[in-house]
Amino acid sequence: MRTSETGEKLSVNDVRIVGRLGAKVSTKCLPSGDEITVFSIVIDRPSREVRGSTQIDTIACITTKAQLAGRLHGWEPGRWIEAEGVLRRRFWRAGGGLGSAMEVDVRRMKSV
């Protein structure tokens, strides 16, 4: 837990993921006009956590940073990467209702 200089408790939202770049990297234009790059990172589950046939987790990620987007579009699926960012819940209108998803908003990334 983090605390401020006055001893007040502070919330923390830090995410670090190391895994393989998923098969699809795409760019979406949001209704606001902003562009996001959408991708996934595939994480192998430790053998002690494998139940049934699910041996991986696929983590939904986005970035709004043009430099990271350019790098992602140049990388082949399966490349090992390390990403750092924050967990976000994104909302959108879908068929008369409201849709949402949890995803990692990636701020820094490198090939490992």
PDB file of N, CA and C in Angstrom:
ATOM      1  N   MET A   1       0.844  -1.174   0.000  1.00  0.00           N
ATOM      2  CA  MET A   1       0.000   0.000   0.000  1.00  0.00           C
ATOM      3  C   MET A   1       0.891   1.239   0.000  1.00  0.00           C
ATOM      4  N   ARG A   2       0.483   2.214  -0.763  1.00  0.00           N
ATOM      5  CA  ARG A   2       1.216   3.476  -0.798  1.00  0.00           C
ATOM      6  C   ARG A   2       0.520   4.480   0.106  1.00  0.00           C
ATOM      7  N   THR A   3       1.328   5.371   0.658  1.00  0.00           N
ATOM      8  CA  THR A   3       0.773   6.446   1.473  1.00  0.00           C
ATOM      9  C   THR A   3       1.381   7.768   1.032  1.00  0.00           C
ATOM     10  N   SER A   4       0.636   8.836   1.261  1.00  0.00           N
ATOM     11  CA  SER A   4       1.121  10.174   0.919  1.00  0.00           C
ATOM     12  C   SER A   4       2.086  10.644   1.999  1.00  0.00           C
ATOM     13  N   GLU A   5       2.657  11.817   1.796  1.00  0.00           N
ATOM     14  CA  GLU A   5       3.575  12.392   2.782  1.00  0.00           C
ATOM     15  C   GLU A   5       2.876  12.636   4.115  1.00  0.00           C
ATOM     16  N   THR A   6       1.557  12.810   4.091  1.00  0.00           N
ATOM     17  CA  THR A   6       0.805  13.051   5.324  1.00  0.00           C
ATOM     18  C   THR A   6       0.291  11.756   5.945  1.00  0.00           C
ATOM     19  N   GLY A   7       0.629  10.607   5.332  1.00  0.00           N
ATOM     20  CA  GLY A   7       0.190   9.321   5.880  1.00  0.00           C
ATOM     21  C   GLY A   7      -1.147   8.847   5.339  1.00  0.00           C
ATOM     22  N   GLU A   8      -1.740   9.599   4.421  1.00  0.00           N
ATOM     23  CA  GLU A   8      -3.025   9.228   3.822  1.00  0.00           C
ATOM     24  C   GLU A   8      -2.833   8.051   2.872  1.00  0.00           C
ATOM     25  N   LYS A   9      -3.746   7.079   2.910  1.00  0.00           N
ATOM     26  CA  LYS A   9      -3.677   5.930   2.013  1.00  0.00           C
ATOM     27  C   LYS A   9      -3.962   6.376   0.586  1.00  0.00           C
ATOM     28  N   LEU A  10      -3.199   5.821  -0.366  1.00  0.00           N
ATOM     29  CA  LEU A  10      -3.367   6.150  -1.771  1.00  0.00           C
ATOM     30  C   LEU A  10      -3.716   4.902  -2.568  1.00  0.00           C
ATOM     31  N   SER A  11      -4.573   5.053  -3.555  1.00  0.00           N
ATOM     32  CA  SER A  11      -4.913   3.957  -4.457  1.00  0.00           C
ATOM     33  C   SER A  11      -3.745   3.710  -5.405  1.00  0.00           C
ATOM     34  N   VAL A  12      -3.606   2.468  -5.881  1.00  0.00           N
ATOM     35  CA  VAL A  12      -2.545   2.111  -6.814  1.00  0.00           C
ATOM     36  C   VAL A  12      -3.166   1.335  -7.969  1.00  0.00           C
ATOM     37  N   ASN A  13      -2.832   1.717  -9.196  1.00  0.00           N
ATOM     38  CA  ASN A  13      -3.286   1.015 -10.388  1.00  0.00           C
ATOM     39  C   ASN A  13      -2.092   0.891 -11.323  1.00  0.00           C
ATOM     40  N   ASP A  14      -1.245  -0.107 -11.079  1.00  0.00           N
ATOM     41  CA  ASP A  14      -0.064  -0.372 -11.897  1.00  0.00           C
ATOM     42  C   ASP A  14      -0.159  -1.800 -12.411  1.00  0.00           C
ATOM     43  N   VAL A  15       0.070  -1.976 -13.712  1.00  0.00           N
ATOM     44  CA  VAL A  15       0.018  -3.307 -14.321  1.00  0.00           C
ATOM     45  C   VAL A  15       1.322  -3.536 -15.078  1.00  0.00           C
ATOM     46  N   ARG A  16       1.908  -4.711 -14.892  1.00  0.00           N
ATOM     47  CA  ARG A  16       3.090  -5.131 -15.655  1.00  0.00           C
ATOM     48  C   ARG A  16       2.809  -6.528 -16.180  1.00  0.00           C
ATOM     49  N   ILE A  17       2.951  -6.700 -17.486  1.00  0.00           N
ATOM     50  CA  ILE A  17       2.669  -7.984 -18.131  1.00  0.00           C
ATOM     51  C   ILE A  17       3.862  -8.376 -18.993  1.00  0.00           C
ATOM     52  N   VAL A  18       4.276  -9.626 -18.882  1.00  0.00           N
ATOM     53  CA  VAL A  18       5.300 -10.178 -19.769  1.00  0.00           C
ATOM     54  C   VAL A  18       4.687 -11.399 -20.424  1.00  0.00           C
ATOM     55  N   GLY A  19       4.650 -11.401 -21.746  1.00  0.00           N
ATOM     56  CA  GLY A  19       4.056 -12.514 -22.481  1.00  0.00           C
ATOM     57  C   GLY A  19       4.290 -12.338 -23.969  1.00  0.00           C
ATOM     58  N   ARG A  20       3.492 -13.059 -24.749  1.00  0.00           N
ATOM     59  CA  ARG A  20       3.636 -13.030 -26.209  1.00  0.00           C
ATOM     60  C   ARG A  20       2.563 -12.144 -26.839  1.00  0.00           C
ATOM     61  N   LEU A  21       2.957 -11.392 -27.862  1.00  0.00           N
ATOM     62  CA  LEU A  21       2.003 -10.562 -28.601  1.00  0.00           C
ATOM     63  C   LEU A  21       0.979 -11.461 -29.277  1.00  0.00           C
ATOM     64  N   GLY A  22      -0.293 -11.128 -29.116  1.00  0.00           N
ATOM     65  CA  GLY A  22      -1.372 -11.901 -29.731  1.00  0.00           C
ATOM     66  C   GLY A  22      -1.375 -11.769 -31.251  1.00  0.00           C
ATOM     67  N   ALA A  23      -2.278 -12.516 -31.867  1.00  0.00           N
ATOM     68  CA  ALA A  23      -2.300 -12.641 -33.331  1.00  0.00           C
ATOM     69  C   ALA A  23      -2.794 -11.401 -34.061  1.00  0.00           C
ATOM     70  N   LYS A  24      -3.553 -10.542 -33.398  1.00  0.00           N
ATOM     71  CA  LYS A  24      -4.181  -9.445 -34.124  1.00  0.00           C
ATOM     72  C   LYS A  24      -3.886  -8.098 -33.458  1.00  0.00           C
ATOM     73  N   VAL A  25      -3.353  -7.173 -34.248  1.00  0.00           N
ATOM     74  CA  VAL A  25      -3.167  -5.785 -33.823  1.00  0.00           C
ATOM     75  C   VAL A  25      -3.998  -4.937 -34.768  1.00  0.00           C
ATOM     76  N   SER A  26      -4.890  -4.110 -34.218  1.00  0.00           N
ATOM     77  CA  SER A  26      -5.734  -3.283 -35.079  1.00  0.00           C
ATOM     78  C   SER A  26      -5.879  -1.885 -34.493  1.00  0.00           C
ATOM     79  N   THR A  27      -6.321  -0.973 -35.327  1.00  0.00           N
ATOM     80  CA  THR A  27      -6.552   0.404 -34.903  1.00  0.00           C
ATOM     81  C   THR A  27      -8.044   0.694 -35.007  1.00  0.00           C
ATOM     82  N   LYS A  28      -8.586   1.322 -33.970  1.00  0.00           N
ATOM     83  CA  LYS A  28     -10.006   1.701 -33.959  1.00  0.00           C
ATOM     84  C   LYS A  28     -10.123   3.198 -33.761  1.00  0.00           C
ATOM     85  N   CYS A  29     -11.097   3.774 -34.438  1.00  0.00           N
ATOM     86  CA  CYS A  29     -11.407   5.184 -34.242  1.00  0.00           C
ATOM     87  C   CYS A  29     -12.626   5.267 -33.332  1.00  0.00           C
ATOM     88  N   LEU A  30     -12.471   5.926 -32.205  1.00  0.00           N
ATOM     89  CA  LEU A  30     -13.562   6.064 -31.241  1.00  0.00           C
ATOM     90  C   LEU A  30     -14.513   7.183 -31.679  1.00  0.00           C
ATOM     91  N   PRO A  31     -15.759   7.183 -31.165  1.00  0.00           N
ATOM     92  CA  PRO A  31     -16.703   8.258 -31.508  1.00  0.00           C
ATOM     93  C   PRO A  31     -16.150   9.658 -31.213  1.00  0.00           C
ATOM     94  N   SER A  32     -15.247   9.751 -30.250  1.00  0.00           N
ATOM     95  CA  SER A  32     -14.634  11.042 -29.902  1.00  0.00           C
ATOM     96  C   SER A  32     -13.659  11.510 -30.977  1.00  0.00           C
ATOM     97  N   GLY A  33     -13.289  10.593 -31.889  1.00  0.00           N
ATOM     98  CA  GLY A  33     -12.296  10.909 -32.902  1.00  0.00           C
ATOM     99  C   GLY A  33     -10.909  10.413 -32.532  1.00  0.00           C
ATOM    100  N   ASP A  34     -10.716  10.019 -31.282  1.00  0.00           N
ATOM    101  CA  ASP A  34      -9.428   9.480 -30.847  1.00  0.00           C
ATOM    102  C   ASP A  34      -9.204   8.109 -31.464  1.00  0.00           C
ATOM    103  N   GLU A  35      -7.949   7.792 -31.741  1.00  0.00           N
ATOM    104  CA  GLU A  35      -7.597   6.478 -32.247  1.00  0.00           C
ATOM    105  C   GLU A  35      -6.933   5.672 -31.142  1.00  0.00           C
ATOM    106  N   ILE A  36      -7.297   4.394 -31.058  1.00  0.00           N
ATOM    107  CA  ILE A  36      -6.631   3.490 -30.137  1.00  0.00           C
ATOM    108  C   ILE A  36      -6.123   2.287 -30.921  1.00  0.00           C
ATOM    109  N   THR A  37      -5.028   1.748 -30.483  1.00  0.00           N
ATOM    110  CA  THR A  37      -4.503   0.513 -31.048  1.00  0.00           C
ATOM    111  C   THR A  37      -4.872  -0.601 -30.085  1.00  0.00           C
ATOM    112  N   VAL A  38      -5.510  -1.625 -30.618  1.00  0.00           N
ATOM    113  CA  VAL A  38      -6.044  -2.737 -29.823  1.00  0.00           C
ATOM    114  C   VAL A  38      -5.200  -3.978 -30.108  1.00  0.00           C
ATOM    115  N   PHE A  39      -4.786  -4.654 -29.039  1.00  0.00           N
ATOM    116  CA  PHE A  39      -3.982  -5.864 -29.182  1.00  0.00           C
ATOM    117  C   PHE A  39      -4.155  -6.725 -27.942  1.00  0.00           C
ATOM    118  N   SER A  40      -3.528  -7.873 -27.943  1.00  0.00           N
ATOM    119  CA  SER A  40      -3.593  -8.735 -26.762  1.00  0.00           C
ATOM    120  C   SER A  40      -2.212  -9.274 -26.446  1.00  0.00           C
ATOM    121  N   ILE A  41      -2.038  -9.643 -25.195  1.00  0.00           N
ATOM    122  CA  ILE A  41      -0.819 -10.303 -24.739  1.00  0.00           C
ATOM    123  C   ILE A  41      -1.240 -11.646 -24.166  1.00  0.00           C
ATOM    124  N   VAL A  42      -0.576 -12.697 -24.633  1.00  0.00           N
ATOM    125  CA  VAL A  42      -0.895 -14.060 -24.224  1.00  0.00           C
ATOM    126  C   VAL A  42       0.073 -14.478 -23.121  1.00  0.00           C
ATOM    127  N   ILE A  43      -0.505 -14.923 -22.006  1.00  0.00           N
ATOM    128  CA  ILE A  43       0.258 -15.312 -20.819  1.00  0.00           C
ATOM    129  C   ILE A  43       0.065 -16.801 -20.577  1.00  0.00           C
ATOM    130  N   ASP A  44       1.162 -17.529 -20.400  1.00  0.00           N
ATOM    131  CA  ASP A  44       1.070 -18.942 -20.043  1.00  0.00           C
ATOM    132  C   ASP A  44       0.759 -19.056 -18.551  1.00  0.00           C
ATOM    133  N   ARG A  45      -0.209 -19.886 -18.219  1.00  0.00           N
ATOM    134  CA  ARG A  45      -0.493 -20.130 -16.811  1.00  0.00           C
ATOM    135  C   ARG A  45       0.550 -21.090 -16.236  1.00  0.00           C
ATOM    136  N   PRO A  46       0.989 -20.859 -15.003  1.00  0.00           N
ATOM    137  CA  PRO A  46       1.880 -21.836 -14.367  1.00  0.00           C
ATOM    138  C   PRO A  46       1.173 -23.194 -14.294  1.00  0.00           C
ATOM    139  N   SER A  47       1.909 -24.269 -14.456  1.00  0.00           N
ATOM    140  CA  SER A  47       1.298 -25.607 -14.517  1.00  0.00           C
ATOM    141  C   SER A  47       0.434 -25.902 -13.295  1.00  0.00           C
ATOM    142  N   ARG A  48       0.770 -25.365 -12.132  1.00  0.00           N
ATOM    143  CA  ARG A  48      -0.032 -25.619 -10.923  1.00  0.00           C
ATOM    144  C   ARG A  48      -1.409 -24.942 -10.983  1.00  0.00           C
ATOM    145  N   GLU A  49      -1.566 -23.955 -11.884  1.00  0.00           N
ATOM    146  CA  GLU A  49      -2.837 -23.245 -12.006  1.00  0.00           C
ATOM    147  C   GLU A  49      -3.698 -23.745 -13.164  1.00  0.00           C
ATOM    148  N   VAL A  50      -3.180 -24.654 -13.966  1.00  0.00           N
ATOM    149  CA  VAL A  50      -3.912 -25.147 -15.133  1.00  0.00           C
ATOM    150  C   VAL A  50      -5.019 -26.078 -14.670  1.00  0.00           C
ATOM    151  N   ARG A  51      -6.244 -25.730 -15.044  1.00  0.00           N
ATOM    152  CA  ARG A  51      -7.413 -26.557 -14.753  1.00  0.00           C
ATOM    153  C   ARG A  51      -8.100 -26.847 -16.071  1.00  0.00           C
ATOM    154  N   GLY A  52      -8.375 -28.080 -16.337  1.00  0.00           N
ATOM    155  CA  GLY A  52      -8.998 -28.426 -17.615  1.00  0.00           C
ATOM    156  C   GLY A  52      -8.031 -28.169 -18.746  1.00  0.00           C
ATOM    157  N   SER A  53      -8.554 -27.652 -19.844  1.00  0.00           N
ATOM    158  CA  SER A  53      -7.714 -27.461 -21.024  1.00  0.00           C
ATOM    159  C   SER A  53      -7.197 -26.028 -21.169  1.00  0.00           C
ATOM    160  N   THR A  54      -7.580 -25.108 -20.269  1.00  0.00           N
ATOM    161  CA  THR A  54      -7.148 -23.713 -20.380  1.00  0.00           C
ATOM    162  C   THR A  54      -5.748 -23.560 -19.810  1.00  0.00           C
ATOM    163  N   GLN A  55      -4.777 -23.306 -20.699  1.00  0.00           N
ATOM    164  CA  GLN A  55      -3.393 -23.194 -20.278  1.00  0.00           C
ATOM    165  C   GLN A  55      -2.834 -21.788 -20.444  1.00  0.00           C
ATOM    166  N   ILE A  56      -3.646 -20.879 -21.010  1.00  0.00           N
ATOM    167  CA  ILE A  56      -3.197 -19.503 -21.234  1.00  0.00           C
ATOM    168  C   ILE A  56      -4.276 -18.523 -20.804  1.00  0.00           C
ATOM    169  N   ASP A  57      -3.871 -17.303 -20.592  1.00  0.00           N
ATOM    170  CA  ASP A  57      -4.793 -16.184 -20.423  1.00  0.00           C
ATOM    171  C   ASP A  57      -4.463 -15.176 -21.509  1.00  0.00           C
ATOM    172  N   THR A  58      -5.477 -14.608 -22.129  1.00  0.00           N
ATOM    173  CA  THR A  58      -5.299 -13.592 -23.153  1.00  0.00           C
ATOM    174  C   THR A  58      -5.768 -12.268 -22.558  1.00  0.00           C
ATOM    175  N   ILE A  59      -4.847 -11.333 -22.426  1.00  0.00           N
ATOM    176  CA  ILE A  59      -5.110 -10.058 -21.771  1.00  0.00           C
ATOM    177  C   ILE A  59      -5.368  -8.988 -22.833  1.00  0.00           C
ATOM    178  N   ALA A  60      -6.544  -8.369 -22.781  1.00  0.00           N
ATOM    179  CA  ALA A  60      -6.902  -7.304 -23.722  1.00  0.00           C
ATOM    180  C   ALA A  60      -6.122  -6.036 -23.369  1.00  0.00           C
ATOM    181  N   CYS A  61      -5.510  -5.422 -24.385  1.00  0.00           N
ATOM    182  CA  CYS A  61      -4.693  -4.226 -24.188  1.00  0.00           C
ATOM    183  C   CYS A  61      -5.031  -3.185 -25.245  1.00  0.00           C
ATOM    184  N   ILE A  62      -4.789  -1.930 -24.901  1.00  0.00           N
ATOM    185  CA  ILE A  62      -4.911  -0.826 -25.850  1.00  0.00           C
ATOM    186  C   ILE A  62      -3.769   0.146 -25.599  1.00  0.00           C
ATOM    187  N   THR A  63      -3.490   0.978 -26.589  1.00  0.00           N
ATOM    188  CA  THR A  63      -2.609   2.117 -26.373  1.00  0.00           C
ATOM    189  C   THR A  63      -3.099   3.269 -27.239  1.00  0.00           C
ATOM    190  N   THR A  64      -2.898   4.474 -26.740  1.00  0.00           N
ATOM    191  CA  THR A  64      -3.208   5.680 -27.509  1.00  0.00           C
ATOM    192  C   THR A  64      -1.925   6.339 -28.002  1.00  0.00           C
ATOM    193  N   LYS A  65      -0.796   5.771 -27.648  1.00  0.00           N
ATOM    194  CA  LYS A  65       0.499   6.350 -28.001  1.00  0.00           C
ATOM    195  C   LYS A  65       0.915   5.914 -29.402  1.00  0.00           C
ATOM    196  N   ALA A  66       1.090   6.882 -30.298  1.00  0.00           N
ATOM    197  CA  ALA A  66       1.431   6.605 -31.695  1.00  0.00           C
ATOM    198  C   ALA A  66       2.742   5.839 -31.823  1.00  0.00           C
ATOM    199  N   GLN A  67       3.728   6.170 -31.007  1.00  0.00           N
ATOM    200  CA  GLN A  67       5.024   5.499 -31.068  1.00  0.00           C
ATOM    201  C   GLN A  67       4.878   4.005 -30.754  1.00  0.00           C
ATOM    202  N   LEU A  68       4.098   3.671 -29.726  1.00  0.00           N
ATOM    203  CA  LEU A  68       3.876   2.271 -29.381  1.00  0.00           C
ATOM    204  C   LEU A  68       3.064   1.570 -30.465  1.00  0.00           C
ATOM    205  N   ALA A  69       2.067   2.261 -31.017  1.00  0.00           N
ATOM    206  CA  ALA A  69       1.234   1.676 -32.072  1.00  0.00           C
ATOM    207  C   ALA A  69       2.090   1.308 -33.274  1.00  0.00           C
ATOM    208  N   GLY A  70       3.003   2.198 -33.669  1.00  0.00           N
ATOM    209  CA  GLY A  70       3.874   1.918 -34.802  1.00  0.00           C
ATOM    210  C   GLY A  70       4.739   0.693 -34.558  1.00  0.00           C
ATOM    211  N   ARG A  71       5.260   0.576 -33.350  1.00  0.00           N
ATOM    212  CA  ARG A  71       6.069  -0.587 -32.993  1.00  0.00           C
ATOM    213  C   ARG A  71       5.242  -1.865 -33.056  1.00  0.00           C
ATOM    214  N   LEU A  72       4.040  -1.820 -32.490  1.00  0.00           N
ATOM    215  CA  LEU A  72       3.166  -3.001 -32.466  1.00  0.00           C
ATOM    216  C   LEU A  72       2.838  -3.491 -33.870  1.00  0.00           C
ATOM    217  N   HIS A  73       2.536  -2.566 -34.772  1.00  0.00           N
ATOM    218  CA  HIS A  73       2.179  -2.948 -36.140  1.00  0.00           C
ATOM    219  C   HIS A  73       3.361  -3.576 -36.883  1.00  0.00           C
ATOM    220  N   GLY A  74       4.579  -3.307 -36.431  1.00  0.00           N
ATOM    221  CA  GLY A  74       5.760  -3.873 -37.071  1.00  0.00           C
ATOM    222  C   GLY A  74       6.210  -5.206 -36.492  1.00  0.00           C
ATOM    223  N   TRP A  75       5.655  -5.581 -35.343  1.00  0.00           N
ATOM    224  CA  TRP A  75       6.068  -6.811 -34.681  1.00  0.00           C
ATOM    225  C   TRP A  75       5.207  -7.992 -35.110  1.00  0.00           C
ATOM    226  N   GLU A  76       5.815  -9.153 -35.198  1.00  0.00           N
ATOM    227  CA  GLU A  76       5.114 -10.387 -35.545  1.00  0.00           C
ATOM    228  C   GLU A  76       4.391 -10.941 -34.321  1.00  0.00           C
ATOM    229  N   PRO A  77       3.231 -11.565 -34.528  1.00  0.00           N
ATOM    230  CA  PRO A  77       2.558 -12.252 -33.420  1.00  0.00           C
ATOM    231  C   PRO A  77       3.492 -13.302 -32.820  1.00  0.00           C
ATOM    232  N   GLY A  78       3.415 -13.454 -31.511  1.00  0.00           N
ATOM    233  CA  GLY A  78       4.253 -14.423 -30.820  1.00  0.00           C
ATOM    234  C   GLY A  78       5.520 -13.823 -30.236  1.00  0.00           C
ATOM    235  N   ARG A  79       5.835 -12.577 -30.612  1.00  0.00           N
ATOM    236  CA  ARG A  79       7.029 -11.916 -30.075  1.00  0.00           C
ATOM    237  C   ARG A  79       6.862 -11.682 -28.578  1.00  0.00           C
ATOM    238  N   TRP A  80       7.910 -11.957 -27.804  1.00  0.00           N
ATOM    239  CA  TRP A  80       7.863 -11.722 -26.361  1.00  0.00           C
ATOM    240  C   TRP A  80       7.982 -10.235 -26.082  1.00  0.00           C
ATOM    241  N   ILE A  81       7.061  -9.713 -25.277  1.00  0.00           N
ATOM    242  CA  ILE A  81       7.056  -8.292 -24.938  1.00  0.00           C
ATOM    243  C   ILE A  81       6.786  -8.106 -23.452  1.00  0.00           C
ATOM    244  N   GLU A  82       7.202  -6.955 -22.964  1.00  0.00           N
ATOM    245  CA  GLU A  82       6.886  -6.531 -21.602  1.00  0.00           C
ATOM    246  C   GLU A  82       6.134  -5.216 -21.716  1.00  0.00           C
ATOM    247  N   ALA A  83       4.980  -5.141 -21.067  1.00  0.00           N
ATOM    248  CA  ALA A  83       4.148  -3.948 -21.145  1.00  0.00           C
ATOM    249  C   ALA A  83       3.833  -3.450 -19.742  1.00  0.00           C
ATOM    250  N   GLU A  84       3.800  -2.136 -19.590  1.00  0.00           N
ATOM    251  CA  GLU A  84       3.421  -1.510 -18.322  1.00  0.00           C
ATOM    252  C   GLU A  84       2.322  -0.498 -18.605  1.00  0.00           C
ATOM    253  N   GLY A  85       1.354  -0.450 -17.706  1.00  0.00           N
ATOM    254  CA  GLY A  85       0.263   0.495 -17.882  1.00  0.00           C
ATOM    255  C   GLY A  85      -0.674   0.464 -16.693  1.00  0.00           C
ATOM    256  N   VAL A  86      -1.938   0.767 -16.969  1.00  0.00           N
ATOM    257  CA  VAL A  86      -2.968   0.810 -15.931  1.00  0.00           C
ATOM    258  C   VAL A  86      -4.197   0.045 -16.414  1.00  0.00           C
ATOM    259  N   LEU A  87      -4.934  -0.502 -15.482  1.00  0.00           N
ATOM    260  CA  LEU A  87      -6.163  -1.215 -15.816  1.00  0.00           C
ATOM    261  C   LEU A  87      -7.299  -0.204 -15.941  1.00  0.00           C
ATOM    262  N   ARG A  88      -8.039  -0.288 -17.036  1.00  0.00           N
ATOM    263  CA  ARG A  88      -9.147   0.635 -17.301  1.00  0.00           C
ATOM    264  C   ARG A  88     -10.397  -0.154 -17.677  1.00  0.00           C
ATOM    265  N   ARG A  89     -11.539   0.433 -17.398  1.00  0.00           N
ATOM    266  CA  ARG A  89     -12.812  -0.103 -17.890  1.00  0.00           C
ATOM    267  C   ARG A  89     -13.317   0.894 -18.916  1.00  0.00           C
ATOM    268  N   ARG A  90     -13.502   0.429 -20.148  1.00  0.00           N
ATOM    269  CA  ARG A  90     -13.964   1.287 -21.244  1.00  0.00           C
ATOM    270  C   ARG A  90     -15.426   0.975 -21.527  1.00  0.00           C
ATOM    271  N   PHE A  91     -16.217   2.014 -21.747  1.00  0.00           N
ATOM    272  CA  PHE A  91     -17.654   1.876 -22.018  1.00  0.00           C
ATOM    273  C   PHE A  91     -17.958   2.361 -23.426  1.00  0.00           C
ATOM    274  N   TRP A  92     -18.998   1.774 -24.038  1.00  0.00           N
ATOM    275  CA  TRP A  92     -19.461   2.209 -25.355  1.00  0.00           C
ATOM    276  C   TRP A  92     -20.931   1.830 -25.506  1.00  0.00           C
ATOM    277  N   ARG A  93     -21.590   2.504 -26.431  1.00  0.00           N
ATOM    278  CA  ARG A  93     -22.984   2.183 -26.748  1.00  0.00           C
ATOM    279  C   ARG A  93     -23.005   0.997 -27.700  1.00  0.00           C
ATOM    280  N   ALA A  94     -23.868   0.027 -27.411  1.00  0.00           N
ATOM    281  CA  ALA A  94     -23.932  -1.184 -28.236  1.00  0.00           C
ATOM    282  C   ALA A  94     -25.379  -1.625 -28.374  1.00  0.00           C
ATOM    283  N   GLY A  95     -25.940  -1.491 -29.577  1.00  0.00           N
ATOM    284  CA  GLY A  95     -27.286  -1.980 -29.845  1.00  0.00           C
ATOM    285  C   GLY A  95     -28.339  -1.493 -28.861  1.00  0.00           C
ATOM    286  N   GLY A  96     -28.338  -0.232 -28.552  1.00  0.00           N
ATOM    287  CA  GLY A  96     -29.327   0.327 -27.641  1.00  0.00           C
ATOM    288  C   GLY A  96     -28.969   0.160 -26.177  1.00  0.00           C
ATOM    289  N   GLY A  97     -27.877  -0.522 -25.892  1.00  0.00           N
ATOM    290  CA  GLY A  97     -27.434  -0.711 -24.514  1.00  0.00           C
ATOM    291  C   GLY A  97     -26.035  -0.163 -24.325  1.00  0.00           C
ATOM    292  N   LEU A  98     -25.457  -0.528 -23.212  1.00  0.00           N
ATOM    293  CA  LEU A  98     -24.120  -0.077 -22.883  1.00  0.00           C
ATOM    294  C   LEU A  98     -23.206  -1.291 -22.790  1.00  0.00           C
ATOM    295  N   GLY A  99     -22.087  -1.263 -23.503  1.00  0.00           N
ATOM    296  CA  GLY A  99     -21.099  -2.331 -23.425  1.00  0.00           C
ATOM    297  C   GLY A  99     -19.895  -1.842 -22.655  1.00  0.00           C
ATOM    298  N   SER A 100     -19.134  -2.779 -22.103  1.00  0.00           N
ATOM    299  CA  SER A 100     -17.921  -2.385 -21.399  1.00  0.00           C
ATOM    300  C   SER A 100     -16.914  -3.523 -21.434  1.00  0.00           C
ATOM    301  N   ALA A 101     -15.655  -3.171 -21.203  1.00  0.00           N
ATOM    302  CA  ALA A 101     -14.596  -4.163 -21.143  1.00  0.00           C
ATOM    303  C   ALA A 101     -13.476  -3.642 -20.258  1.00  0.00           C
ATOM    304  N   MET A 102     -12.812  -4.572 -19.580  1.00  0.00           N
ATOM    305  CA  MET A 102     -11.610  -4.242 -18.818  1.00  0.00           C
ATOM    306  C   MET A 102     -10.425  -4.499 -19.737  1.00  0.00           C
ATOM    307  N   GLU A 103      -9.478  -3.561 -19.764  1.00  0.00           N
ATOM    308  CA  GLU A 103      -8.302  -3.703 -20.601  1.00  0.00           C
ATOM    309  C   GLU A 103      -7.147  -2.942 -19.982  1.00  0.00           C
ATOM    310  N   VAL A 104      -5.954  -3.315 -20.367  1.00  0.00           N
ATOM    311  CA  VAL A 104      -4.760  -2.628 -19.894  1.00  0.00           C
ATOM    312  C   VAL A 104      -4.455  -1.490 -20.873  1.00  0.00           C
ATOM    313  N   ASP A 105      -4.388  -0.276 -20.365  1.00  0.00           N
ATOM    314  CA  ASP A 105      -4.002   0.897 -21.144  1.00  0.00           C
ATOM    315  C   ASP A 105      -2.479   0.982 -21.040  1.00  0.00           C
ATOM    316  N   VAL A 106      -1.787   0.540 -22.088  1.00  0.00           N
ATOM    317  CA  VAL A 106      -0.334   0.400 -22.068  1.00  0.00           C
ATOM    318  C   VAL A 106       0.332   1.754 -22.292  1.00  0.00           C
ATOM    319  N   ARG A 107       1.259   2.084 -21.396  1.00  0.00           N
ATOM    320  CA  ARG A 107       1.998   3.353 -21.461  1.00  0.00           C
ATOM    321  C   ARG A 107       3.450   3.149 -21.892  1.00  0.00           C
ATOM    322  N   ARG A 108       4.026   1.975 -21.550  1.00  0.00           N
ATOM    323  CA  ARG A 108       5.399   1.650 -21.916  1.00  0.00           C
ATOM    324  C   ARG A 108       5.448   0.204 -22.368  1.00  0.00           C
ATOM    325  N   MET A 109       6.348  -0.076 -23.321  1.00  0.00           N
ATOM    326  CA  MET A 109       6.418  -1.431 -23.840  1.00  0.00           C
ATOM    327  C   MET A 109       7.792  -1.645 -24.464  1.00  0.00           C
ATOM    328  N   LYS A 110       8.285  -2.887 -24.345  1.00  0.00           N
ATOM    329  CA  LYS A 110       9.542  -3.224 -24.997  1.00  0.00           C
ATOM    330  C   LYS A 110       9.544  -4.703 -25.358  1.00  0.00           C
ATOM    331  N   SER A 111      10.374  -5.040 -26.326  1.00  0.00           N
ATOM    332  CA  SER A 111      10.574  -6.424 -26.717  1.00  0.00           C
ATOM    333  C   SER A 111      11.549  -7.039 -25.720  1.00  0.00           C
ATOM    334  N   VAL A 112      11.292  -8.277 -25.318  1.00  0.00           N
ATOM    335  CA  VAL A 112      12.190  -8.950 -24.360  1.00  0.00           C
ATOM    336  C   VAL A 112      12.686 -10.268 -24.923  1.00  0.00           C
TER     337      VAL A 112
END
